[in-house]
Full PDB file with SEQRES, HELIX, SHEET, SSBOND, CRYST1, ORIGX, SCALE, CONECT and MASTER records, all heavy atoms in Angstrom:
SEQRES   1 A   42  VAL PRO ASP ALA MET ARG ASP ALA ARG LEU LEU LEU ARG          
SEQRES   2 A   42  TRP VAL LEU ASP ALA ARG ALA GLU ASP MET ASN GLU ALA          
SEQRES   3 A   42  LEU ARG VAL PRO GLY SER ALA ARG GLU GLN ASP ALA PHE          
SEQRES   4 A   42  HIS ALA ALA                                                  
HELIX    1 AA1 ALA A    4  LEU A   16  1                                  13    
HELIX    2 AA2 ALA A   20  ASP A   22  5                                   3    
HELIX    3 AA3 MET A   23  LEU A   27  1                                   5    
HELIX    4 AA4 ALA A   33  ALA A   41  1                                   9    
CRYST1    1.000    1.000    1.000  90.00  90.00  90.00 P 1           1          
ORIGX1      1.000000  0.000000  0.000000        0.00000                         
ORIGX2      0.000000  1.000000  0.000000        0.00000                         
ORIGX3      0.000000  0.000000  1.000000        0.00000                         
SCALE1      1.000000  0.000000  0.000000        0.00000                         
SCALE2      0.000000  1.000000  0.000000        0.00000                         
SCALE3      0.000000  0.000000  1.000000        0.00000                         
ATOM      1  N   VAL A   1       0.857  -1.194   0.002  1.00  0.00           N  
ATOM      2  CA  VAL A   1       0.000   0.003   0.004  1.00  0.00           C  
ATOM      3  C   VAL A   1       0.894   1.239  -0.005  1.00  0.00           C  
ATOM      4  O   VAL A   1       1.723   1.391   0.898  1.00  0.00           O  
ATOM      5  CB  VAL A   1      -0.934  -0.003   1.226  1.00  0.00           C  
ATOM      6  CG1 VAL A   1      -1.703   1.307   1.328  1.00  0.00           C  
ATOM      7  CG2 VAL A   1      -1.864  -1.192   1.178  1.00  0.00           C  
ATOM      8  N   PRO A   2       0.735   2.095  -1.007  1.00  0.00           N  
ATOM      9  CA  PRO A   2       1.545   3.329  -1.016  1.00  0.00           C  
ATOM     10  C   PRO A   2       1.179   4.229   0.165  1.00  0.00           C  
ATOM     11  O   PRO A   2       0.027   4.282   0.573  1.00  0.00           O  
ATOM     12  CB  PRO A   2       1.159   4.010  -2.338  1.00  0.00           C  
ATOM     13  CG  PRO A   2       0.402   3.001  -3.118  1.00  0.00           C  
ATOM     14  CD  PRO A   2      -0.135   1.993  -2.157  1.00  0.00           C  
ATOM     15  N   ASP A   3       2.160   4.921   0.695  1.00  0.00           N  
ATOM     16  CA  ASP A   3       1.977   5.846   1.813  1.00  0.00           C  
ATOM     17  C   ASP A   3       1.242   5.174   2.971  1.00  0.00           C  
ATOM     18  O   ASP A   3       0.223   5.658   3.478  1.00  0.00           O  
ATOM     19  CB  ASP A   3       1.248   7.113   1.351  1.00  0.00           C  
ATOM     20  CG  ASP A   3       1.633   8.323   2.186  1.00  0.00           C  
ATOM     21  OD1 ASP A   3       2.362   8.167   3.170  1.00  0.00           O  
ATOM     22  OD2 ASP A   3       1.165   9.432   1.862  1.00  0.00           O  
ATOM     23  N   ALA A   4       1.793   4.048   3.380  1.00  0.00           N  
ATOM     24  CA  ALA A   4       1.169   3.188   4.393  1.00  0.00           C  
ATOM     25  C   ALA A   4       0.930   3.903   5.714  1.00  0.00           C  
ATOM     26  O   ALA A   4      -0.120   3.726   6.328  1.00  0.00           O  
ATOM     27  CB  ALA A   4       2.025   1.937   4.594  1.00  0.00           C  
ATOM     28  N   MET A   5       1.867   4.708   6.160  1.00  0.00           N  
ATOM     29  CA  MET A   5       1.701   5.392   7.439  1.00  0.00           C  
ATOM     30  C   MET A   5       0.546   6.382   7.387  1.00  0.00           C  
ATOM     31  O   MET A   5      -0.247   6.489   8.329  1.00  0.00           O  
ATOM     32  CB  MET A   5       2.988   6.116   7.864  1.00  0.00           C  
ATOM     33  CG  MET A   5       2.861   6.866   9.187  1.00  0.00           C  
ATOM     34  SD  MET A   5       2.284   5.855  10.587  1.00  0.00           S  
ATOM     35  CE  MET A   5       3.823   5.126  11.103  1.00  0.00           C  
ATOM     36  N   ARG A   6       0.431   7.114   6.274  1.00  0.00           N  
ATOM     37  CA  ARG A   6      -0.701   8.059   6.126  1.00  0.00           C  
ATOM     38  C   ARG A   6      -2.014   7.319   6.211  1.00  0.00           C  
ATOM     39  O   ARG A   6      -2.933   7.722   6.932  1.00  0.00           O  
ATOM     40  CB  ARG A   6      -0.599   8.806   4.806  1.00  0.00           C  
ATOM     41  CG  ARG A   6      -1.747   9.798   4.602  1.00  0.00           C  
ATOM     42  CD  ARG A   6      -1.756  10.381   3.184  1.00  0.00           C  
ATOM     43  NE  ARG A   6      -2.165   9.375   2.206  1.00  0.00           N  
ATOM     44  CZ  ARG A   6      -3.440   9.131   1.858  1.00  0.00           C  
ATOM     45  NH1 ARG A   6      -4.412   9.822   2.403  1.00  0.00           N  
ATOM     46  NH2 ARG A   6      -3.736   8.220   0.975  1.00  0.00           N  
ATOM     47  N   ASP A   7      -2.138   6.193   5.477  1.00  0.00           N  
ATOM     48  CA  ASP A   7      -3.387   5.446   5.488  1.00  0.00           C  
ATOM     49  C   ASP A   7      -3.671   4.872   6.863  1.00  0.00           C  
ATOM     50  O   ASP A   7      -4.810   4.901   7.337  1.00  0.00           O  
ATOM     51  CB  ASP A   7      -3.354   4.316   4.439  1.00  0.00           C  
ATOM     52  CG  ASP A   7      -3.594   4.833   3.031  1.00  0.00           C  
ATOM     53  OD1 ASP A   7      -3.598   6.070   2.828  1.00  0.00           O  
ATOM     54  OD2 ASP A   7      -3.761   3.988   2.132  1.00  0.00           O  
ATOM     55  N   ALA A   8      -2.657   4.351   7.527  1.00  0.00           N  
ATOM     56  CA  ALA A   8      -2.843   3.787   8.867  1.00  0.00           C  
ATOM     57  C   ALA A   8      -3.325   4.882   9.828  1.00  0.00           C  
ATOM     58  O   ALA A   8      -4.241   4.675  10.624  1.00  0.00           O  
ATOM     59  CB  ALA A   8      -1.552   3.177   9.376  1.00  0.00           C  
ATOM     60  N   ARG A   9      -2.725   6.052   9.732  1.00  0.00           N  
ATOM     61  CA  ARG A   9      -3.117   7.162  10.604  1.00  0.00           C  
ATOM     62  C   ARG A   9      -4.560   7.599  10.314  1.00  0.00           C  
ATOM     63  O   ARG A   9      -5.331   7.864  11.241  1.00  0.00           O  
ATOM     64  CB  ARG A   9      -2.128   8.308  10.437  1.00  0.00           C  
ATOM     65  CG  ARG A   9      -2.275   9.378  11.480  1.00  0.00           C  
ATOM     66  CD  ARG A   9      -1.155  10.411  11.333  1.00  0.00           C  
ATOM     67  NE  ARG A   9      -1.317  11.476  12.303  1.00  0.00           N  
ATOM     68  CZ  ARG A   9      -0.778  11.472  13.516  1.00  0.00           C  
ATOM     69  NH1 ARG A   9      -0.040  10.462  13.915  1.00  0.00           N  
ATOM     70  NH2 ARG A   9      -0.985  12.478  14.353  1.00  0.00           N  
ATOM     71  N   LEU A  10      -4.916   7.674   9.044  1.00  0.00           N  
ATOM     72  CA  LEU A  10      -6.286   8.062   8.687  1.00  0.00           C  
ATOM     73  C   LEU A  10      -7.302   7.032   9.171  1.00  0.00           C  
ATOM     74  O   LEU A  10      -8.373   7.391   9.653  1.00  0.00           O  
ATOM     75  CB  LEU A  10      -6.412   8.259   7.180  1.00  0.00           C  
ATOM     76  CG  LEU A  10      -5.749   9.524   6.637  1.00  0.00           C  
ATOM     77  CD1 LEU A  10      -5.747   9.490   5.102  1.00  0.00           C  
ATOM     78  CD2 LEU A  10      -6.425  10.775   7.140  1.00  0.00           C  
ATOM     79  N   LEU A  11      -6.955   5.765   9.075  1.00  0.00           N  
ATOM     80  CA  LEU A  11      -7.870   4.729   9.566  1.00  0.00           C  
ATOM     81  C   LEU A  11      -8.020   4.799  11.082  1.00  0.00           C  
ATOM     82  O   LEU A  11      -9.135   4.661  11.597  1.00  0.00           O  
ATOM     83  CB  LEU A  11      -7.374   3.335   9.135  1.00  0.00           C  
ATOM     84  CG  LEU A  11      -7.541   3.011   7.663  1.00  0.00           C  
ATOM     85  CD1 LEU A  11      -6.832   1.717   7.311  1.00  0.00           C  
ATOM     86  CD2 LEU A  11      -9.015   2.944   7.279  1.00  0.00           C  
ATOM     87  N   LEU A  12      -6.924   5.009  11.785  1.00  0.00           N  
ATOM     88  CA  LEU A  12      -7.025   5.109  13.236  1.00  0.00           C  
ATOM     89  C   LEU A  12      -7.832   6.347  13.640  1.00  0.00           C  
ATOM     90  O   LEU A  12      -8.672   6.283  14.536  1.00  0.00           O  
ATOM     91  CB  LEU A  12      -5.635   5.144  13.885  1.00  0.00           C  
ATOM     92  CG  LEU A  12      -5.624   5.127  15.408  1.00  0.00           C  
ATOM     93  CD1 LEU A  12      -6.396   3.942  15.979  1.00  0.00           C  
ATOM     94  CD2 LEU A  12      -4.201   5.134  15.927  1.00  0.00           C  
ATOM     95  N   ARG A  13      -7.603   7.431  12.956  1.00  0.00           N  
ATOM     96  CA  ARG A  13      -8.365   8.648  13.236  1.00  0.00           C  
ATOM     97  C   ARG A  13      -9.858   8.404  13.012  1.00  0.00           C  
ATOM     98  O   ARG A  13     -10.699   8.835  13.782  1.00  0.00           O  
ATOM     99  CB  ARG A  13      -7.860   9.779  12.335  1.00  0.00           C  
ATOM    100  CG  ARG A  13      -8.544  11.061  12.604  1.00  0.00           C  
ATOM    101  CD  ARG A  13      -7.932  12.167  11.766  1.00  0.00           C  
ATOM    102  NE  ARG A  13      -8.873  13.251  11.684  1.00  0.00           N  
ATOM    103  CZ  ARG A  13      -8.970  14.106  10.701  1.00  0.00           C  
ATOM    104  NH1 ARG A  13      -8.121  14.037   9.708  1.00  0.00           N  
ATOM    105  NH2 ARG A  13      -9.860  15.039  10.702  1.00  0.00           N  
ATOM    106  N   TRP A  14     -10.185   7.662  11.944  1.00  0.00           N  
ATOM    107  CA  TRP A  14     -11.581   7.334  11.652  1.00  0.00           C  
ATOM    108  C   TRP A  14     -12.176   6.466  12.756  1.00  0.00           C  
ATOM    109  O   TRP A  14     -13.283   6.726  13.233  1.00  0.00           O  
ATOM    110  CB  TRP A  14     -11.667   6.667  10.285  1.00  0.00           C  
ATOM    111  CG  TRP A  14     -12.997   6.118   9.957  1.00  0.00           C  
ATOM    112  CD1 TRP A  14     -14.147   6.817   9.678  1.00  0.00           C  
ATOM    113  CD2 TRP A  14     -13.354   4.737   9.882  1.00  0.00           C  
ATOM    114  NE1 TRP A  14     -15.173   5.952   9.427  1.00  0.00           N  
ATOM    115  CE2 TRP A  14     -14.710   4.658   9.528  1.00  0.00           C  
ATOM    116  CE3 TRP A  14     -12.634   3.554  10.044  1.00  0.00           C  
ATOM    117  CZ2 TRP A  14     -15.368   3.456   9.380  1.00  0.00           C  
ATOM    118  CZ3 TRP A  14     -13.295   2.355   9.867  1.00  0.00           C  
ATOM    119  CH2 TRP A  14     -14.658   2.309   9.541  1.00  0.00           C  
ATOM    120  N   VAL A  15     -11.444   5.430  13.156  1.00  0.00           N  
ATOM    121  CA  VAL A  15     -11.943   4.523  14.215  1.00  0.00           C  
ATOM    122  C   VAL A  15     -12.159   5.293  15.520  1.00  0.00           C  
ATOM    123  O   VAL A  15     -13.170   5.085  16.202  1.00  0.00           O  
ATOM    124  CB  VAL A  15     -10.954   3.351  14.429  1.00  0.00           C  
ATOM    125  CG1 VAL A  15     -11.244   2.615  15.735  1.00  0.00           C  
ATOM    126  CG2 VAL A  15     -11.027   2.379  13.251  1.00  0.00           C  
ATOM    127  N   LEU A  16     -11.255   6.188  15.835  1.00  0.00           N  
ATOM    128  CA  LEU A  16     -11.360   6.959  17.086  1.00  0.00           C  
ATOM    129  C   LEU A  16     -12.324   8.138  16.970  1.00  0.00           C  
ATOM    130  O   LEU A  16     -12.641   8.763  17.980  1.00  0.00           O  
ATOM    131  CB  LEU A  16      -9.979   7.474  17.502  1.00  0.00           C  
ATOM    132  CG  LEU A  16      -8.915   6.421  17.775  1.00  0.00           C  
ATOM    133  CD1 LEU A  16      -7.588   7.104  18.084  1.00  0.00           C  
ATOM    134  CD2 LEU A  16      -9.334   5.486  18.874  1.00  0.00           C  
ATOM    135  N   ASP A  17     -12.736   8.440  15.749  1.00  0.00           N  
ATOM    136  CA  ASP A  17     -13.576   9.620  15.499  1.00  0.00           C  
ATOM    137  C   ASP A  17     -12.897  10.864  16.101  1.00  0.00           C  
ATOM    138  O   ASP A  17     -13.523  11.660  16.809  1.00  0.00           O  
ATOM    139  CB  ASP A  17     -14.987   9.430  16.046  1.00  0.00           C  
ATOM    140  CG  ASP A  17     -15.966  10.474  15.526  1.00  0.00           C  
ATOM    141  OD1 ASP A  17     -15.722  11.016  14.437  1.00  0.00           O  
ATOM    142  OD2 ASP A  17     -16.963  10.737  16.225  1.00  0.00           O  
ATOM    143  N   ALA A  18     -11.611  10.996  15.784  1.00  0.00           N  
ATOM    144  CA  ALA A  18     -10.792  12.066  16.359  1.00  0.00           C  
ATOM    145  C   ALA A  18     -10.499  13.138  15.315  1.00  0.00           C  
ATOM    146  O   ALA A  18     -10.429  12.864  14.131  1.00  0.00           O  
ATOM    147  CB  ALA A  18      -9.485  11.484  16.885  1.00  0.00           C  
ATOM    148  N   ARG A  19     -10.325  14.331  15.803  1.00  0.00           N  
ATOM    149  CA  ARG A  19      -9.881  15.418  14.934  1.00  0.00           C  
ATOM    150  C   ARG A  19      -8.381  15.269  14.692  1.00  0.00           C  
ATOM    151  O   ARG A  19      -7.678  14.729  15.548  1.00  0.00           O  
ATOM    152  CB  ARG A  19     -10.171  16.772  15.578  1.00  0.00           C  
ATOM    153  CG  ARG A  19     -11.652  17.021  15.834  1.00  0.00           C  
ATOM    154  CD  ARG A  19     -11.909  18.331  16.507  1.00  0.00           C  
ATOM    155  NE  ARG A  19     -11.001  18.531  17.634  1.00  0.00           N  
ATOM    156  CZ  ARG A  19     -10.811  19.692  18.241  1.00  0.00           C  
ATOM    157  NH1 ARG A  19     -11.432  20.778  17.836  1.00  0.00           N  
ATOM    158  NH2 ARG A  19      -9.978  19.790  19.268  1.00  0.00           N  
ATOM    159  N   ALA A  20      -7.916  15.767  13.575  1.00  0.00           N  
ATOM    160  CA  ALA A  20      -6.491  15.682  13.225  1.00  0.00           C  
ATOM    161  C   ALA A  20      -5.615  16.269  14.345  1.00  0.00           C  
ATOM    162  O   ALA A  20      -4.585  15.690  14.698  1.00  0.00           O  
ATOM    163  CB  ALA A  20      -6.218  16.351  11.906  1.00  0.00           C  
ATOM    164  N   GLU A  21      -6.040  17.399  14.887  1.00  0.00           N  
ATOM    165  CA  GLU A  21      -5.235  18.071  15.896  1.00  0.00           C  
ATOM    166  C   GLU A  21      -5.207  17.316  17.240  1.00  0.00           C  
ATOM    167  O   GLU A  21      -4.371  17.619  18.092  1.00  0.00           O  
ATOM    168  CB  GLU A  21      -5.684  19.518  16.102  1.00  0.00           C  
ATOM    169  CG  GLU A  21      -7.124  19.692  16.471  1.00  0.00           C  
ATOM    170  CD  GLU A  21      -8.057  19.878  15.276  1.00  0.00           C  
ATOM    171  OE1 GLU A  21      -7.718  19.501  14.142  1.00  0.00           O  
ATOM    172  OE2 GLU A  21      -9.159  20.397  15.505  1.00  0.00           O  
ATOM    173  N   ASP A  22      -6.089  16.348  17.413  1.00  0.00           N  
ATOM    174  CA  ASP A  22      -6.112  15.573  18.648  1.00  0.00           C  
ATOM    175  C   ASP A  22      -5.364  14.249  18.566  1.00  0.00           C  
ATOM    176  O   ASP A  22      -5.237  13.542  19.570  1.00  0.00           O  
ATOM    177  CB  ASP A  22      -7.566  15.293  19.056  1.00  0.00           C  
ATOM    178  CG  ASP A  22      -8.346  16.558  19.372  1.00  0.00           C  
ATOM    179  OD1 ASP A  22      -7.716  17.559  19.790  1.00  0.00           O  
ATOM    180  OD2 ASP A  22      -9.571  16.553  19.169  1.00  0.00           O  
ATOM    181  N   MET A  23      -4.869  13.929  17.386  1.00  0.00           N  
ATOM    182  CA  MET A  23      -4.270  12.605  17.196  1.00  0.00           C  
ATOM    183  C   MET A  23      -2.991  12.382  18.001  1.00  0.00           C  
ATOM    184  O   MET A  23      -2.775  11.276  18.536  1.00  0.00           O  
ATOM    185  CB  MET A  23      -3.994  12.331  15.708  1.00  0.00           C  
ATOM    186  CG  MET A  23      -5.229  11.909  14.947  1.00  0.00           C  
ATOM    187  SD  MET A  23      -5.993  10.396  15.600  1.00  0.00           S  
ATOM    188  CE  MET A  23      -4.779   9.179  15.149  1.00  0.00           C  
ATOM    189  N   ASN A  24      -2.123  13.380  18.100  1.00  0.00           N  
ATOM    190  CA  ASN A  24      -0.872  13.165  18.847  1.00  0.00           C  
ATOM    191  C   ASN A  24      -1.146  12.759  20.293  1.00  0.00           C  
ATOM    192  O   ASN A  24      -0.516  11.843  20.806  1.00  0.00           O  
ATOM    193  CB  ASN A  24       0.008  14.417  18.791  1.00  0.00           C  
ATOM    194  CG  ASN A  24       0.663  14.587  17.443  1.00  0.00           C  
ATOM    195  OD1 ASN A  24       0.827  13.622  16.697  1.00  0.00           O  
ATOM    196  ND2 ASN A  24       1.014  15.805  17.101  1.00  0.00           N  
ATOM    197  N   GLU A  25      -2.112  13.410  20.901  1.00  0.00           N  
ATOM    198  CA  GLU A  25      -2.465  13.036  22.269  1.00  0.00           C  
ATOM    199  C   GLU A  25      -3.148  11.663  22.317  1.00  0.00           C  
ATOM    200  O   GLU A  25      -2.872  10.858  23.194  1.00  0.00           O  
ATOM    201  CB  GLU A  25      -3.386  14.102  22.894  1.00  0.00           C  
ATOM    202  CG  GLU A  25      -3.812  13.802  24.306  1.00  0.00           C  
ATOM    203  CD  GLU A  25      -2.643  13.737  25.296  1.00  0.00           C  
ATOM    204  OE1 GLU A  25      -1.651  14.445  25.109  1.00  0.00           O  
ATOM    205  OE2 GLU A  25      -2.763  12.941  26.255  1.00  0.00           O  
ATOM    206  N   ALA A  26      -4.013  11.407  21.353  1.00  0.00           N  
ATOM    207  CA  ALA A  26      -4.739  10.126  21.316  1.00  0.00           C  
ATOM    208  C   ALA A  26      -3.788   8.938  21.159  1.00  0.00           C  
ATOM    209  O   ALA A  26      -4.090   7.839  21.663  1.00  0.00           O  
ATOM    210  CB  ALA A  26      -5.766  10.139  20.172  1.00  0.00           C  
ATOM    211  N   LEU A  27      -2.666   9.152  20.519  1.00  0.00           N  
ATOM    212  CA  LEU A  27      -1.708   8.055  20.304  1.00  0.00           C  
ATOM    213  C   LEU A  27      -0.978   7.673  21.569  1.00  0.00           C  
ATOM    214  O   LEU A  27      -0.435   6.568  21.638  1.00  0.00           O  
ATOM    215  CB  LEU A  27      -0.699   8.437  19.210  1.00  0.00           C  
ATOM    216  CG  LEU A  27      -1.272   8.545  17.797  1.00  0.00           C  
ATOM    217  CD1 LEU A  27      -0.207   9.079  16.855  1.00  0.00           C  
ATOM    218  CD2 LEU A  27      -1.799   7.208  17.319  1.00  0.00           C  
ATOM    219  N   ARG A  28      -0.944   8.540  22.540  1.00  0.00           N  
ATOM    220  CA  ARG A  28      -0.150   8.297  23.765  1.00  0.00           C  
ATOM    221  C   ARG A  28      -0.868   7.455  24.812  1.00  0.00           C  
ATOM    222  O   ARG A  28      -0.263   7.111  25.835  1.00  0.00           O  
ATOM    223  CB  ARG A  28       0.235   9.642  24.386  1.00  0.00           C  
ATOM    224  CG  ARG A  28       1.157  10.446  23.537  1.00  0.00           C  
ATOM    225  CD  ARG A  28       1.619  11.692  24.292  1.00  0.00           C  
ATOM    226  NE  ARG A  28       2.330  12.565  23.385  1.00  0.00           N  
ATOM    227  CZ  ARG A  28       1.926  13.779  23.028  1.00  0.00           C  
ATOM    228  NH1 ARG A  28       0.800  14.277  23.505  1.00  0.00           N  
ATOM    229  NH2 ARG A  28       2.638  14.496  22.192  1.00  0.00           N  
ATOM    230  N   VAL A  29      -2.132   7.173  24.596  1.00  0.00           N  
ATOM    231  CA  VAL A  29      -2.894   6.468  25.637  1.00  0.00           C  
ATOM    232  C   VAL A  29      -3.346   5.102  25.124  1.00  0.00           C  
ATOM    233  O   VAL A  29      -3.468   4.877  23.918  1.00  0.00           O  
ATOM    234  CB  VAL A  29      -4.132   7.294  26.061  1.00  0.00           C  
ATOM    235  CG1 VAL A  29      -3.696   8.597  26.693  1.00  0.00           C  
ATOM    236  CG2 VAL A  29      -5.046   7.550  24.897  1.00  0.00           C  
ATOM    237  N   PRO A  30      -3.607   4.184  26.054  1.00  0.00           N  
ATOM    238  CA  PRO A  30      -4.118   2.870  25.623  1.00  0.00           C  
ATOM    239  C   PRO A  30      -5.510   2.993  25.039  1.00  0.00           C  
ATOM    240  O   PRO A  30      -6.286   3.870  25.439  1.00  0.00           O  
ATOM    241  CB  PRO A  30      -4.148   2.066  26.928  1.00  0.00           C  
ATOM    242  CG  PRO A  30      -3.325   2.807  27.907  1.00  0.00           C  
ATOM    243  CD  PRO A  30      -3.371   4.244  27.483  1.00  0.00           C  
ATOM    244  N   GLY A  31      -5.815   2.144  24.106  1.00  0.00           N  
ATOM    245  CA  GLY A  31      -7.150   2.112  23.523  1.00  0.00           C  
ATOM    246  C   GLY A  31      -7.952   0.952  24.050  1.00  0.00           C  
ATOM    247  O   GLY A  31      -7.419   0.046  24.709  1.00  0.00           O  
ATOM    248  N   SER A  32      -9.212   0.955  23.721  1.00  0.00           N  
ATOM    249  CA  SER A  32     -10.094  -0.134  24.164  1.00  0.00           C  
ATOM    250  C   SER A  32      -9.979  -1.326  23.209  1.00  0.00           C  
ATOM    251  O   SER A  32      -9.487  -1.195  22.092  1.00  0.00           O  
ATOM    252  CB  SER A  32     -11.540   0.372  24.204  1.00  0.00           C  
ATOM    253  OG  SER A  32     -12.019   0.556  22.875  1.00  0.00           O  
ATOM    254  N   ALA A  33     -10.461  -2.436  23.675  1.00  0.00           N  
ATOM    255  CA  ALA A  33     -10.464  -3.649  22.833  1.00  0.00           C  
ATOM    256  C   ALA A  33     -11.357  -3.433  21.589  1.00  0.00           C  
ATOM    257  O   ALA A  33     -11.000  -3.890  20.514  1.00  0.00           O  
ATOM    258  CB  ALA A  33     -10.951  -4.846  23.633  1.00  0.00           C  
ATOM    259  N   ARG A  34     -12.461  -2.711  21.769  1.00  0.00           N  
ATOM    260  CA  ARG A  34     -13.345  -2.441  20.649  1.00  0.00           C  
ATOM    261  C   ARG A  34     -12.637  -1.585  19.590  1.00  0.00           C  
ATOM    262  O   ARG A  34     -12.719  -1.862  18.408  1.00  0.00           O  
ATOM    263  CB  ARG A  34     -14.608  -1.730  21.118  1.00  0.00           C  
ATOM    264  CG  ARG A  34     -15.628  -1.508  19.988  1.00  0.00           C  
ATOM    265  CD  ARG A  34     -16.550  -0.317  20.216  1.00  0.00           C  
ATOM    266  NE  ARG A  34     -15.908   0.951  20.373  1.00  0.00           N  
ATOM    267  CZ  ARG A  34     -15.449   1.710  19.369  1.00  0.00           C  
ATOM    268  NH1 ARG A  34     -15.539   1.310  18.132  1.00  0.00           N  
ATOM    269  NH2 ARG A  34     -14.884   2.887  19.600  1.00  0.00           N  
ATOM    270  N   GLU A  35     -11.909  -0.565  20.044  1.00  0.00           N  
ATOM    271  CA  GLU A  35     -11.164   0.283  19.112  1.00  0.00           C  
ATOM    272  C   GLU A  35     -10.104  -0.529  18.378  1.00  0.00           C  
ATOM    273  O   GLU A  35      -9.940  -0.401  17.162  1.00  0.00           O  
ATOM    274  CB  GLU A  35     -10.495   1.424  19.866  1.00  0.00           C  
ATOM    275  CG  GLU A  35     -11.430   2.471  20.397  1.00  0.00           C  
ATOM    276  CD  GLU A  35     -10.767   3.439  21.350  1.00  0.00           C  
ATOM    277  OE1 GLU A  35      -9.667   3.125  21.889  1.00  0.00           O  
ATOM    278  OE2 GLU A  35     -11.357   4.508  21.585  1.00  0.00           O  
ATOM    279  N   GLN A  36      -9.407  -1.348  19.122  1.00  0.00           N  
ATOM    280  CA  GLN A  36      -8.344  -2.159  18.503  1.00  0.00           C  
ATOM    281  C   GLN A  36      -8.914  -3.128  17.481  1.00  0.00           C  
ATOM    282  O   GLN A  36      -8.380  -3.266  16.391  1.00  0.00           O  
ATOM    283  CB  GLN A  36      -7.564  -2.921  19.585  1.00  0.00           C  
ATOM    284  CG  GLN A  36      -6.356  -3.635  19.023  1.00  0.00           C  
ATOM    285  CD  GLN A  36      -5.499  -4.259  20.111  1.00  0.00           C  
ATOM    286  OE1 GLN A  36      -5.990  -4.574  21.200  1.00  0.00           O  
ATOM    287  NE2 GLN A  36      -4.224  -4.445  19.828  1.00  0.00           N  
ATOM    288  N   ASP A  37     -10.023  -3.786  17.809  1.00  0.00           N  
ATOM    289  CA  ASP A  37     -10.637  -4.718  16.862  1.00  0.00           C  
ATOM    290  C   ASP A  37     -11.114  -3.989  15.601  1.00  0.00           C  
ATOM    291  O   ASP A  37     -10.907  -4.473  14.489  1.00  0.00           O  
ATOM    292  CB  ASP A  37     -11.828  -5.432  17.508  1.00  0.00           C  
ATOM    293  CG  ASP A  37     -11.417  -6.421  18.586  1.00  0.00           C  
ATOM    294  OD1 ASP A  37     -10.198  -6.768  18.649  1.00  0.00           O  
ATOM    295  OD2 ASP A  37     -12.290  -6.831  19.358  1.00  0.00           O  
ATOM    296  N   ALA A  38     -11.753  -2.841  15.786  1.00  0.00           N  
ATOM    297  CA  ALA A  38     -12.237  -2.067  14.629  1.00  0.00           C  
ATOM    298  C   ALA A  38     -11.070  -1.591  13.768  1.00  0.00           C  
ATOM    299  O   ALA A  38     -11.134  -1.641  12.534  1.00  0.00           O  
ATOM    300  CB  ALA A  38     -13.067  -0.885  15.107  1.00  0.00           C  
ATOM    301  N   PHE A  39     -10.002  -1.148  14.402  1.00  0.00           N  
ATOM    302  CA  PHE A  39      -8.825  -0.675  13.665  1.00  0.00           C  
ATOM    303  C   PHE A  39      -8.171  -1.824  12.890  1.00  0.00           C  
ATOM    304  O   PHE A  39      -7.868  -1.681  11.709  1.00  0.00           O  
ATOM    305  CB  PHE A  39      -7.840  -0.022  14.630  1.00  0.00           C  
ATOM    306  CG  PHE A  39      -6.601   0.508  13.956  1.00  0.00           C  
ATOM    307  CD1 PHE A  39      -6.697   1.421  12.923  1.00  0.00           C  
ATOM    308  CD2 PHE A  39      -5.345   0.106  14.388  1.00  0.00           C  
ATOM    309  CE1 PHE A  39      -5.555   1.924  12.313  1.00  0.00           C  
ATOM    310  CE2 PHE A  39      -4.201   0.608  13.786  1.00  0.00           C  
ATOM    311  CZ  PHE A  39      -4.298   1.517  12.761  1.00  0.00           C  
ATOM    312  N   HIS A  40      -8.005  -2.956  13.534  1.00  0.00           N  
ATOM    313  CA  HIS A  40      -7.389  -4.107  12.860  1.00  0.00           C  
ATOM    314  C   HIS A  40      -8.243  -4.570  11.679  1.00  0.00           C  
ATOM    315  O   HIS A  40      -7.706  -4.956  10.637  1.00  0.00           O  
ATOM    316  CB  HIS A  40      -7.151  -5.242  13.846  1.00  0.00           C  
ATOM    317  CG  HIS A  40      -5.977  -4.972  14.749  1.00  0.00           C  
ATOM    318  ND1 HIS A  40      -5.529  -5.877  15.669  1.00  0.00           N  
ATOM    319  CD2 HIS A  40      -5.171  -3.894  14.881  1.00  0.00           C  
ATOM    320  CE1 HIS A  40      -4.517  -5.384  16.335  1.00  0.00           C  
ATOM    321  NE2 HIS A  40      -4.275  -4.157  15.874  1.00  0.00           N  
ATOM    322  N   ALA A  41      -9.556  -4.533  11.835  1.00  0.00           N  
ATOM    323  CA  ALA A  41     -10.448  -4.909  10.720  1.00  0.00           C  
ATOM    324  C   ALA A  41     -10.304  -3.926   9.552  1.00  0.00           C  
ATOM    325  O   ALA A  41     -10.246  -4.336   8.397  1.00  0.00           O  
ATOM    326  CB  ALA A  41     -11.894  -4.968  11.204  1.00  0.00           C  
ATOM    327  N   ALA A  42     -10.218  -2.635   9.866  1.00  0.00           N  
ATOM    328  CA  ALA A  42     -10.074  -1.629   8.818  1.00  0.00           C  
ATOM    329  C   ALA A  42      -8.713  -1.774   8.121  1.00  0.00           C  
ATOM    330  O   ALA A  42      -8.627  -1.679   6.894  1.00  0.00           O  
ATOM    331  CB  ALA A  42     -10.208  -0.225   9.409  1.00  0.00           C  
TER     332      ALA A  42                                                      
MASTER        0    0    0    4    0    0    0    6  331    1    0    4          
END                                                                             
């Protein structure tokens, strides 16, 4: 997949329903099992 990190970040942002400016903080904390399952599926 071209630009894999960009796509991974966009998918995680979508799963978390997070704003772009909130992603750095969101990455520093543990996520829920539901978030992890949804992200892995995406």
